Structures are given as structure tokens and as C-alpha cells.
Amino acid sequence: MFKRIALICALLTLAPAALAQDDGKPTIAILRYGGTTLTALAEKGILDMFEAYGMVNAEERAVLDKAENLEGEHINVIYSDADFDIPTANIMVEDALDRGADTLLTLSTPVSQIAANITRQMDDPPAIIFAIVTAPYFAGIADAPCVKDSHIAGTQTDVPYDEFVPLLKAQDPEMKVIGAIVNLAEPNSVFGTERIISLAEELGMQVKVAPVVAVADLSLATASLISKGVEAIALPAGYTTSIGLSAIVDIAAEHGGIPVFSIVAEHVYRGATVGADFYSLYREGVIAARMLISHLNGDIDISRLSVNLKPGFTVAINLDAAAEAGVEISDELLAMADWTIKDGTSTEGVTPDLPEIGIELPEMTLEERRAADLEFLAGLECSPEMIAEQRAALDAGP
């Protein structure tokens, strides 16, 4: 609580003119809901691109790596973190607007949703480019890939629930009842829970759902699911369950070794039995930076860009956590794993801080990089026919 109050006070006391665009340099606000390993992967992609394009030098990059504001030679950056608090996120977005940000680079569904809602009321809104957003249409950030506000563009993290839920059957073909934990205040959590229910029912599984409001509710929610006879717990994307994962894992292990399946792969480093999700968050940061840099250079019109969607899937298994909880991983599920943790070490050298493989930009000249980026973005351009078709589909309803 005191940390949150201090953050709000810090935001409110910053001079509105700080890092404003009076010097002619663009001001970019990097706004995140909270610092996680997933956010760190996307941020690395963004900052790698800034450095590759010469927007920041090595010294300035070191400042940004510490998530600090920058008054740079070529760009100004406002770096803000809401510490997983919605009221703080609202203040954070308003503060960035008051300080003259030209572009809001929003990381997460909640911050992107807030930024979209606030800027829709403005006559001349700054550009919004979003990343690490799992449900842009469910959250109202956009209506369809090509049907959105003209100042909004971004890349959707395609959480592969249709590949995630079958993993429970791969572990136990006879599984009948699973549990899910949902925070109704988080659009990504609600969306994910609905997908888990629908897909599980198709596979002959019943889903028991436990709602929570805060991290403090997770232990009781997990215990309630176990008392209802769940054979596994499947966690949708969500910030509350991510922050309080240890409470879920501890209760599940204490009550007969209930495996915990998370839609976030890196959660295996924090005790989840199985983690499976979109791959890769680093690439999402690179794509968001492609949009941002090309927008600042005047090479693209973001109003004509569709929301990017490039599927990917990875499976990770924590064999240590499984053994400790008395869970025997099936041969079928083990064969599906891209990497595992055994004796505290990843089979592919993946680290807890940056839990992905291949998180570096390819070597190329600046001219080659610019050409490759513009070619990629050209593939996202919405034609009038695409816009009309998607509007017609929306008008037709479900």
C-alpha cells in the first residue's frame, strides 16, 4: 500500500513540462501495468530496436534498461509502471498525456484499454501502439484487426488456449474435472476463463470456477476448487494469478499433488507444473518498435495498419515441481515439451529472467533492417475491402 501511495505521489508531483516536446524531439511514453519477465522480454525487443536504429546510444540504453526517464539526444522517454494497480494506471496515462507524450507505447491489456478510452475523448490524440495484449477486441481496444480508432495500432499476443487446454488430456486422458481461477476485473482473465470452459467442454471436461478479487483470495480459491474434486487447475492469463502463483502452487501441492497448468510458460520457474503459451514476447516488442519507429519516421500511416497477429506456441514442464508434488508427467505430455526444468536447470538454457530462446536481433545493416521492417508492415496494411468486410461482419453480429 505504501509503495502504491508513493508511486501516485511521485507521478502527481512531476512537473508537467518535464520531457515535453519543446525541444523538437519526439517524446515516447513506455507505460506498463507492472514489471514481469514477460514485460522484460518485450521491453528488450523494443530497446534493442531503438539502439539498432540509432535512436539511443549505449549510455542512453543503460538508462532505459533501468526503466528510468530519458532526455536523450534524439528522443525523450517517459518510463512509468502502475505496479499492477488500476487507479495508478489511470493516473499514469493521464500524466503521460499532461507531459506531452507524442506516442504511448502501452504494455498490457489494462493499460492499453485505459489509454484507448482516455484518448478517444481527445480532439488530437497521440498515437497508441500496444503490445502484450491478449484480448484487444474483448477489452474494447479495437473492434477488429482493421476496425479501430485511427490513432491506435499494435500487436496481439495470441494466447493459444486451443492448444493449451488439450494438454490436460495429454497428461491424463481420463481427466473429467478441472478448476480455473478468474478475476472478473481483468478482461484477459475473463476472456481466458471463457475459452478454457468452452474448450474443456468440447473435450468432455467440466470446469469449476473460483472468482477472486485480490492476491489474498488465491489460497482460499484454490482450496475451494480442490474441495470440489478438481483433478488439475488451469490458469488463464491474468495479473492476480501471476503475482500470487506461489499461493496456488503451495495449496495444490499440499492437497494430494494437484498439477497446476498455466497459460504462461515462464510460470514453471515459479512452481507451476506445466506452462504453455504464446511465443515469443521478445518478437512482440520488436514488432511494436517497428510500428513506432516507422510512424515517427513518417513511413507508415498507423490508421491503415491491422492489429498484428502471429501465432506461436511453446510448452515447458517443471519436472522438479512435479516430483515434489507427487505428479507423474505422462510420456505424451513430456514429448510435447520444448524445454523442461530438472534439478533447477533448463534443458535449453532458458533463464528465469528472460525465459525465451533467440532473443537477439538478426545482424544486418540499417538499410537492410529498415527495408525488412517496412516489408513486414506493408503486409499489415488494411485495404478498403478488408475494412468493409470486417465492418460488415461486426454489423452482422455473432
Protein backbone atom coordinates (compact mmCIF):
# COMPACT_ATOMS: atom_id res chain seq x y z
CA MET A 1 0.00 0.00 0.00
CA PHE A 2 2.74 2.49 0.95
CA LYS A 3 4.61 1.66 -2.27
CA ARG A 4 1.48 2.44 -4.29
CA ILE A 5 0.83 5.71 -2.47
CA ALA A 6 4.45 6.75 -3.03
CA LEU A 7 4.17 5.97 -6.73
CA ILE A 8 0.98 8.00 -7.12
CA CYS A 9 2.52 10.93 -5.27
CA ALA A 10 5.63 10.75 -7.45
CA LEU A 11 3.54 10.85 -10.60
CA LEU A 12 1.47 13.78 -9.39
CA THR A 13 4.44 15.87 -8.32
CA LEU A 14 6.37 15.59 -11.58
CA ALA A 15 6.48 18.85 -13.48
CA PRO A 16 4.08 18.69 -16.46
CA ALA A 17 6.74 20.22 -18.70
CA ALA A 18 9.29 17.52 -17.93
CA LEU A 19 10.34 15.65 -21.05
CA ALA A 20 7.89 17.65 -23.15
CA GLN A 21 8.40 18.07 -26.87
CA ASP A 22 9.53 21.73 -26.84
CA ASP A 23 13.00 20.62 -27.98
CA GLY A 24 11.56 19.16 -31.18
CA LYS A 25 12.43 15.59 -30.21
CA PRO A 26 9.63 13.01 -30.05
CA THR A 27 8.53 12.02 -26.57
CA ILE A 28 7.64 8.37 -26.15
CA ALA A 29 5.82 7.15 -23.05
CA ILE A 30 6.50 3.48 -22.25
CA LEU A 31 3.66 2.56 -19.92
CA ARG A 32 3.49 -0.83 -18.27
CA TYR A 33 0.99 -2.33 -15.86
CA GLY A 34 3.75 -3.94 -13.84
CA GLY A 35 7.24 -5.35 -14.21
CA THR A 36 7.29 -9.06 -15.10
CA THR A 37 9.60 -11.34 -17.03
CA LEU A 38 7.12 -11.19 -19.92
CA THR A 39 7.26 -7.40 -19.92
CA ALA A 40 11.06 -7.57 -19.72
CA LEU A 41 11.19 -9.68 -22.88
CA ALA A 42 9.04 -7.23 -24.85
CA GLU A 43 10.96 -4.26 -23.48
CA LYS A 44 14.25 -5.82 -24.54
CA GLY A 45 12.87 -6.15 -28.07
CA ILE A 46 11.78 -2.51 -28.06
CA LEU A 47 15.05 -1.17 -26.72
CA ASP A 48 17.13 -3.39 -28.99
CA MET A 49 15.29 -1.77 -31.91
CA PHE A 50 15.80 1.74 -30.53
CA GLU A 51 19.52 1.07 -30.31
CA ALA A 52 19.71 -0.63 -33.73
CA TYR A 53 18.12 2.44 -35.35
CA GLY A 54 20.45 4.84 -33.53
CA MET A 55 17.61 6.41 -31.57
CA VAL A 56 19.58 5.82 -28.37
CA ASN A 57 23.30 5.30 -27.75
CA ALA A 58 24.82 2.76 -25.37
CA GLU A 59 24.82 5.18 -22.45
CA GLU A 60 21.18 6.11 -23.00
CA ARG A 61 20.25 2.44 -23.40
CA ALA A 62 21.73 1.78 -19.97
CA VAL A 63 19.36 4.39 -18.52
CA LEU A 64 16.35 2.80 -20.21
CA ASP A 65 17.40 -0.68 -19.10
CA LYS A 66 16.83 0.56 -15.56
CA ALA A 67 13.30 1.73 -16.51
CA GLU A 68 14.21 5.38 -15.95
CA ASN A 69 13.14 8.50 -17.81
CA LEU A 70 15.45 9.71 -20.55
CA GLU A 71 16.16 13.09 -22.08
CA GLY A 72 18.18 11.77 -24.97
CA GLU A 73 19.95 13.18 -27.96
CA HIS A 74 17.28 12.01 -30.40
CA ILE A 75 14.25 11.02 -28.28
CA ASN A 76 12.78 11.62 -24.86
CA VAL A 77 11.29 8.68 -22.99
CA ILE A 78 8.82 8.69 -20.12
CA TYR A 79 9.00 5.35 -18.32
CA SER A 80 6.12 4.55 -15.93
CA ASP A 81 4.90 1.48 -14.06
CA ALA A 82 1.47 1.12 -12.41
CA ASP A 83 2.61 -1.61 -10.01
CA PHE A 84 -0.41 -3.74 -11.03
CA ASP A 85 -2.89 -1.16 -9.76
CA ILE A 86 -5.75 0.11 -11.97
CA PRO A 87 -6.19 3.56 -10.30
CA THR A 88 -2.44 4.12 -10.60
CA ALA A 89 -2.58 3.06 -14.25
CA ASN A 90 -5.23 5.72 -14.93
CA ILE A 91 -3.09 8.38 -13.29
CA MET A 92 -0.03 7.13 -15.17
CA VAL A 93 -1.73 7.54 -18.56
CA GLU A 94 -3.09 10.98 -17.71
CA ASP A 95 0.34 12.03 -16.51
CA ALA A 96 1.99 10.94 -19.76
CA LEU A 97 -0.56 12.96 -21.72
CA ASP A 98 -0.04 16.02 -19.49
CA ARG A 99 3.69 15.78 -20.11
CA GLY A 100 3.26 15.99 -23.86
CA ALA A 101 3.90 12.42 -24.99
CA ASP A 102 3.67 12.09 -28.78
CA THR A 103 3.26 8.33 -28.62
CA LEU A 104 2.03 6.00 -25.90
CA LEU A 105 3.67 2.57 -26.04
CA THR A 106 1.33 0.58 -23.79
CA LEU A 107 2.34 -2.82 -22.45
CA SER A 108 -0.56 -4.97 -21.19
CA THR A 109 -4.30 -5.18 -21.74
CA PRO A 110 -5.32 -2.94 -18.77
CA VAL A 111 -3.01 -0.04 -19.67
CA SER A 112 -3.89 -0.24 -23.37
CA GLN A 113 -7.60 -0.29 -22.53
CA ILE A 114 -7.25 2.74 -20.26
CA ALA A 115 -5.17 4.67 -22.82
CA ALA A 116 -7.65 3.91 -25.61
CA ASN A 117 -10.63 5.03 -23.51
CA ILE A 118 -8.99 8.27 -22.36
CA THR A 119 -7.59 9.33 -25.74
CA ARG A 120 -10.90 8.71 -27.53
CA GLN A 121 -12.13 11.84 -25.76
CA MET A 122 -9.34 13.98 -27.23
CA ASP A 123 -9.55 16.07 -30.42
CA ASP A 124 -5.95 15.37 -31.39
CA PRO A 125 -4.86 12.21 -29.53
CA PRO A 126 -1.30 10.93 -29.56
CA ALA A 127 -0.58 7.63 -31.27
CA ILE A 128 -1.07 4.49 -29.19
CA ILE A 129 0.93 1.38 -30.04
CA PHE A 130 0.17 -1.58 -27.82
CA ALA A 131 1.87 -4.89 -27.07
CA ILE A 132 1.44 -7.80 -24.62
CA VAL A 133 -2.32 -7.53 -25.13
CA THR A 134 -4.14 -10.85 -25.21
CA ALA A 135 -7.72 -9.72 -25.88
CA PRO A 136 -7.81 -6.34 -27.73
CA TYR A 137 -11.34 -6.87 -29.07
CA PHE A 138 -12.81 -8.29 -25.89
CA ALA A 139 -11.31 -5.32 -23.99
CA GLY A 140 -12.62 -2.77 -26.49
CA ILE A 141 -9.19 -1.53 -27.57
CA ALA A 142 -10.19 -2.27 -31.16
CA ASP A 143 -13.29 -3.75 -32.81
CA ALA A 144 -11.49 -5.90 -35.39
CA PRO A 145 -7.97 -6.05 -36.85
CA CYS A 146 -8.76 -3.28 -39.37
CA VAL A 147 -11.64 -1.62 -37.50
CA LYS A 148 -10.21 0.63 -34.81
CA ASP A 149 -9.56 4.25 -33.93
CA SER A 150 -7.18 5.89 -36.38
CA HIS A 151 -4.59 6.68 -33.70
CA ILE A 152 -4.32 3.09 -32.42
CA ALA A 153 -2.14 0.25 -33.69
CA GLY A 154 -0.49 -2.70 -32.04
CA THR A 155 0.33 -6.36 -31.84
CA GLN A 156 -1.80 -9.00 -30.18
CA THR A 157 -0.31 -11.73 -28.04
CA ASP A 158 -2.28 -14.67 -29.36
CA VAL A 159 -2.72 -16.79 -26.25
CA PRO A 160 -3.23 -20.29 -27.72
CA TYR A 161 -5.96 -21.68 -25.50
CA ASP A 162 -6.98 -24.14 -28.21
CA GLU A 163 -3.55 -25.77 -27.85
CA PHE A 164 -3.25 -25.21 -24.10
CA VAL A 165 -6.41 -26.94 -22.88
CA PRO A 166 -5.72 -30.26 -24.69
CA LEU A 167 -2.51 -30.54 -22.64
CA LEU A 168 -4.63 -31.55 -19.67
CA LYS A 169 -5.95 -34.54 -21.63
CA ALA A 170 -2.40 -35.33 -22.76
CA GLN A 171 -1.47 -35.59 -19.09
CA ASP A 172 -4.49 -37.71 -18.22
CA PRO A 173 -6.90 -38.89 -20.95
CA GLU A 174 -9.43 -39.77 -18.23
CA MET A 175 -9.44 -36.28 -16.68
CA LYS A 176 -13.02 -35.13 -16.08
CA VAL A 177 -13.00 -32.09 -13.77
CA ILE A 178 -10.60 -29.14 -13.81
CA GLY A 179 -10.51 -25.84 -11.97
CA ALA A 180 -9.94 -22.26 -13.11
CA ILE A 181 -9.41 -19.04 -11.15
CA VAL A 182 -10.75 -15.78 -12.56
CA ASN A 183 -10.54 -12.10 -11.61
CA LEU A 184 -13.66 -10.50 -13.09
CA ALA A 185 -11.96 -7.09 -13.12
CA GLU A 186 -9.31 -8.30 -15.59
CA PRO A 187 -10.54 -8.61 -19.21
CA ASN A 188 -7.78 -11.06 -20.12
CA SER A 189 -8.67 -13.27 -17.14
CA VAL A 190 -12.37 -13.29 -18.03
CA PHE A 191 -11.67 -13.95 -21.70
CA GLY A 192 -9.27 -16.77 -20.89
CA THR A 193 -11.64 -18.43 -18.43
CA GLU A 194 -14.43 -18.40 -21.01
CA ARG A 195 -12.10 -20.03 -23.54
CA ILE A 196 -10.98 -22.70 -21.06
CA ILE A 197 -14.60 -23.55 -20.21
CA SER A 198 -15.64 -23.80 -23.86
CA LEU A 199 -12.64 -25.86 -24.97
CA ALA A 200 -12.72 -28.14 -21.92
CA GLU A 201 -16.38 -28.95 -22.50
CA GLU A 202 -15.56 -29.94 -26.09
CA LEU A 203 -13.04 -32.42 -24.66
CA GLY A 204 -15.51 -33.83 -22.16
CA MET A 205 -14.21 -31.97 -19.10
CA GLN A 206 -16.21 -29.96 -16.60
CA VAL A 207 -14.73 -26.70 -15.29
CA LYS A 208 -15.20 -25.45 -11.74
CA VAL A 209 -14.52 -21.70 -11.48
CA ALA A 210 -13.36 -19.78 -8.41
CA PRO A 211 -13.59 -15.96 -8.62
CA VAL A 212 -11.05 -13.77 -6.82
CA VAL A 213 -10.63 -10.05 -6.27
CA ALA A 214 -7.09 -9.89 -4.92
CA VAL A 215 -3.98 -12.00 -4.35
CA ALA A 216 -5.10 -12.61 -0.77
CA ASP A 217 -8.06 -14.62 -2.12
CA LEU A 218 -5.98 -17.16 -4.06
CA SER A 219 -5.27 -19.68 -1.28
CA LEU A 220 -8.95 -19.95 -0.37
CA ALA A 221 -9.97 -20.10 -4.04
CA THR A 222 -7.52 -22.92 -4.72
CA ALA A 223 -8.66 -24.87 -1.66
CA SER A 224 -12.30 -24.46 -2.71
CA LEU A 225 -11.56 -25.89 -6.14
CA ILE A 226 -9.78 -28.89 -4.64
CA SER A 227 -12.71 -29.49 -2.29
CA LYS A 228 -14.92 -29.72 -5.40
CA GLY A 229 -12.86 -32.58 -6.75
CA VAL A 230 -10.80 -30.94 -9.48
CA GLU A 231 -8.05 -33.12 -10.92
CA ALA A 232 -5.95 -30.20 -12.17
CA ILE A 233 -6.00 -26.42 -12.14
CA ALA A 234 -5.78 -24.48 -15.43
CA LEU A 235 -4.86 -20.82 -15.00
CA PRO A 236 -5.88 -18.30 -17.68
CA ALA A 237 -3.83 -15.18 -18.40
CA GLY A 238 -4.24 -12.75 -15.52
CA TYR A 239 -2.20 -10.48 -13.31
CA THR A 240 -3.66 -11.54 -9.96
CA THR A 241 -2.92 -15.24 -10.51
CA SER A 242 0.50 -14.40 -11.91
CA ILE A 243 1.50 -12.30 -8.91
CA GLY A 244 0.15 -14.84 -6.41
CA LEU A 245 1.10 -18.03 -8.23
CA SER A 246 3.05 -19.39 -5.26
CA ALA A 247 -0.09 -19.47 -3.12
CA ILE A 248 -1.91 -21.54 -5.76
CA VAL A 249 1.02 -23.93 -6.18
CA ASP A 250 1.50 -24.43 -2.44
CA ILE A 251 -2.14 -25.28 -1.75
CA ALA A 252 -2.35 -27.56 -4.80
CA ALA A 253 0.76 -29.49 -3.69
CA GLU A 254 -0.49 -29.83 -0.11
CA HIS A 255 -3.76 -31.42 -1.20
CA GLY A 256 -2.73 -34.57 -2.98
CA GLY A 257 -0.50 -33.27 -5.73
CA ILE A 258 -2.91 -31.41 -7.98
CA PRO A 259 -0.96 -30.29 -11.11
CA VAL A 260 -1.10 -26.61 -11.98
CA PHE A 261 -1.23 -25.76 -15.69
CA SER A 262 -0.54 -22.11 -16.54
CA ILE A 263 -1.02 -20.29 -19.84
CA VAL A 264 2.30 -18.54 -19.06
CA ALA A 265 5.33 -20.70 -19.85
CA GLU A 266 7.73 -18.91 -17.50
CA HIS A 267 5.47 -19.81 -14.58
CA VAL A 268 7.25 -23.17 -14.46
CA TYR A 269 10.13 -21.25 -12.90
CA ARG A 270 7.77 -20.27 -10.10
CA GLY A 271 6.35 -23.68 -9.32
CA ALA A 272 3.70 -24.38 -11.97
CA THR A 273 3.82 -27.97 -13.18
CA VAL A 274 3.20 -27.08 -16.83
CA GLY A 275 3.44 -23.74 -18.59
CA ALA A 276 2.36 -23.26 -22.18
CA ASP A 277 1.78 -20.04 -24.03
CA PHE A 278 2.42 -17.72 -26.93
CA TYR A 279 5.95 -17.49 -28.29
CA SER A 280 7.67 -15.04 -28.40
CA LEU A 281 7.24 -11.90 -26.30
CA TYR A 282 10.61 -10.59 -27.46
CA ARG A 283 9.30 -10.63 -31.02
CA GLU A 284 6.20 -8.73 -29.90
CA GLY A 285 8.42 -5.94 -28.58
CA VAL A 286 10.31 -5.85 -31.86
CA ILE A 287 7.05 -5.59 -33.83
CA ALA A 288 5.72 -2.78 -31.64
CA ALA A 289 9.01 -0.93 -32.12
CA ARG A 290 8.78 -1.44 -35.89
CA MET A 291 5.41 0.31 -35.84
CA LEU A 292 6.63 3.08 -33.57
CA ILE A 293 9.85 3.84 -35.44
CA SER A 294 8.19 3.78 -38.87
CA HIS A 295 5.41 6.02 -37.52
CA LEU A 296 7.92 8.55 -36.16
CA ASN A 297 9.82 8.48 -39.47
CA GLY A 298 6.61 9.14 -41.39
CA ASP A 299 6.98 5.88 -43.32
CA ILE A 300 3.57 4.46 -42.38
CA ASP A 301 0.07 5.60 -41.52
CA ILE A 302 -0.89 3.65 -38.37
CA SER A 303 -4.57 4.19 -39.12
CA ARG A 304 -4.11 1.78 -42.05
CA LEU A 305 -2.29 -0.92 -40.07
CA SER A 306 -4.17 -4.01 -38.97
CA VAL A 307 -3.57 -5.37 -35.50
CA ASN A 308 -0.69 -7.82 -35.86
CA LEU A 309 -1.33 -11.44 -35.03
CA LYS A 310 1.36 -14.07 -35.46
CA PRO A 311 0.61 -17.34 -33.65
CA GLY A 312 3.27 -19.24 -31.74
CA PHE A 313 3.25 -21.94 -29.07
CA THR A 314 5.71 -23.32 -26.56
CA VAL A 315 5.38 -25.91 -23.79
CA ALA A 316 7.53 -26.06 -20.65
CA ILE A 317 7.43 -28.56 -17.80
CA ASN A 318 8.92 -28.28 -14.32
CA LEU A 319 9.91 -31.86 -13.51
CA ASP A 320 11.20 -30.78 -10.10
CA ALA A 321 7.83 -29.29 -9.12
CA ALA A 322 6.01 -32.34 -10.47
CA ALA A 323 8.18 -34.71 -8.43
CA GLU A 324 7.81 -32.63 -5.28
CA ALA A 325 4.02 -32.64 -5.64
CA GLY A 326 3.90 -36.33 -6.44
CA VAL A 327 2.71 -35.77 -10.03
CA GLU A 328 3.96 -38.18 -12.69
CA ILE A 329 4.14 -36.47 -16.08
CA SER A 330 2.78 -38.63 -18.88
CA ASP A 331 5.03 -39.68 -21.74
CA GLU A 332 2.72 -37.97 -24.22
CA LEU A 333 2.92 -34.62 -22.44
CA LEU A 334 6.66 -34.92 -21.89
CA ALA A 335 7.17 -35.50 -25.62
CA MET A 336 5.37 -32.20 -26.33
CA ALA A 337 7.72 -30.12 -24.16
CA ASP A 338 10.01 -27.60 -25.85
CA TRP A 339 12.04 -27.33 -22.66
CA THR A 340 11.96 -28.73 -19.16
CA ILE A 341 13.39 -27.88 -15.77
CA LYS A 342 15.22 -30.64 -13.94
CA ASP A 343 17.45 -30.21 -10.91
CA GLY A 344 16.81 -26.47 -11.20
CA THR A 345 18.25 -26.19 -14.70
CA SER A 346 16.55 -25.66 -18.07
CA THR A 347 17.31 -28.16 -20.83
CA GLU A 348 17.61 -25.31 -23.37
CA GLY A 349 19.47 -22.77 -21.29
CA VAL A 350 16.37 -20.63 -20.78
CA THR A 351 16.71 -18.35 -17.75
CA PRO A 352 14.11 -17.18 -15.21
CA ASP A 353 14.77 -13.52 -16.06
CA LEU A 354 14.45 -13.91 -19.85
CA PRO A 355 12.60 -17.20 -20.38
CA GLU A 356 12.80 -17.47 -24.15
CA ILE A 357 15.17 -18.73 -26.80
CA GLY A 358 16.50 -16.46 -29.55
CA ILE A 359 16.13 -13.02 -28.01
CA GLU A 360 18.54 -11.07 -30.19
CA LEU A 361 18.05 -9.06 -33.38
CA PRO A 362 19.49 -10.56 -36.58
CA GLU A 363 22.69 -8.94 -37.78
CA MET A 364 22.05 -6.59 -40.72
CA THR A 365 22.80 -3.07 -41.89
CA LEU A 366 20.43 -0.25 -41.03
CA GLU A 367 19.28 -0.07 -44.65
CA GLU A 368 18.55 -3.80 -44.65
CA ARG A 369 16.72 -3.55 -41.34
CA ARG A 370 14.58 -0.63 -42.49
CA ALA A 371 13.69 -2.46 -45.71
CA ALA A 372 12.77 -5.63 -43.79
CA ASP A 373 10.67 -3.69 -41.30
CA LEU A 374 8.78 -1.78 -43.97
CA GLU A 375 8.14 -5.01 -45.87
CA PHE A 376 6.72 -6.56 -42.71
CA LEU A 377 4.47 -3.56 -42.05
CA ALA A 378 3.31 -3.48 -45.67
CA GLY A 379 1.89 -6.94 -45.02
CA LEU A 380 -0.28 -5.46 -42.26
CA GLU A 381 -1.87 -2.73 -44.40
CA CYS A 382 -5.66 -2.77 -44.39
CA SER A 383 -7.27 -2.40 -47.80
CA PRO A 384 -10.68 -0.69 -48.15
CA GLU A 385 -12.10 -4.13 -48.96
CA MET A 386 -10.71 -5.62 -45.75
CA ILE A 387 -12.14 -2.79 -43.67
CA ALA A 388 -15.56 -3.08 -45.33
CA GLU A 389 -15.60 -6.86 -44.87
CA GLN A 390 -14.73 -6.64 -41.19
CA ARG A 391 -17.28 -3.89 -40.56
CA ALA A 392 -19.94 -5.99 -42.25
CA ALA A 393 -19.03 -8.97 -40.07
CA LEU A 394 -19.31 -6.80 -36.94
CA ASP A 395 -22.68 -5.44 -38.07
CA ALA A 396 -23.94 -8.97 -38.69
CA GLY A 397 -23.18 -9.89 -35.08
CA PRO A 398 -22.21 -13.29 -33.64
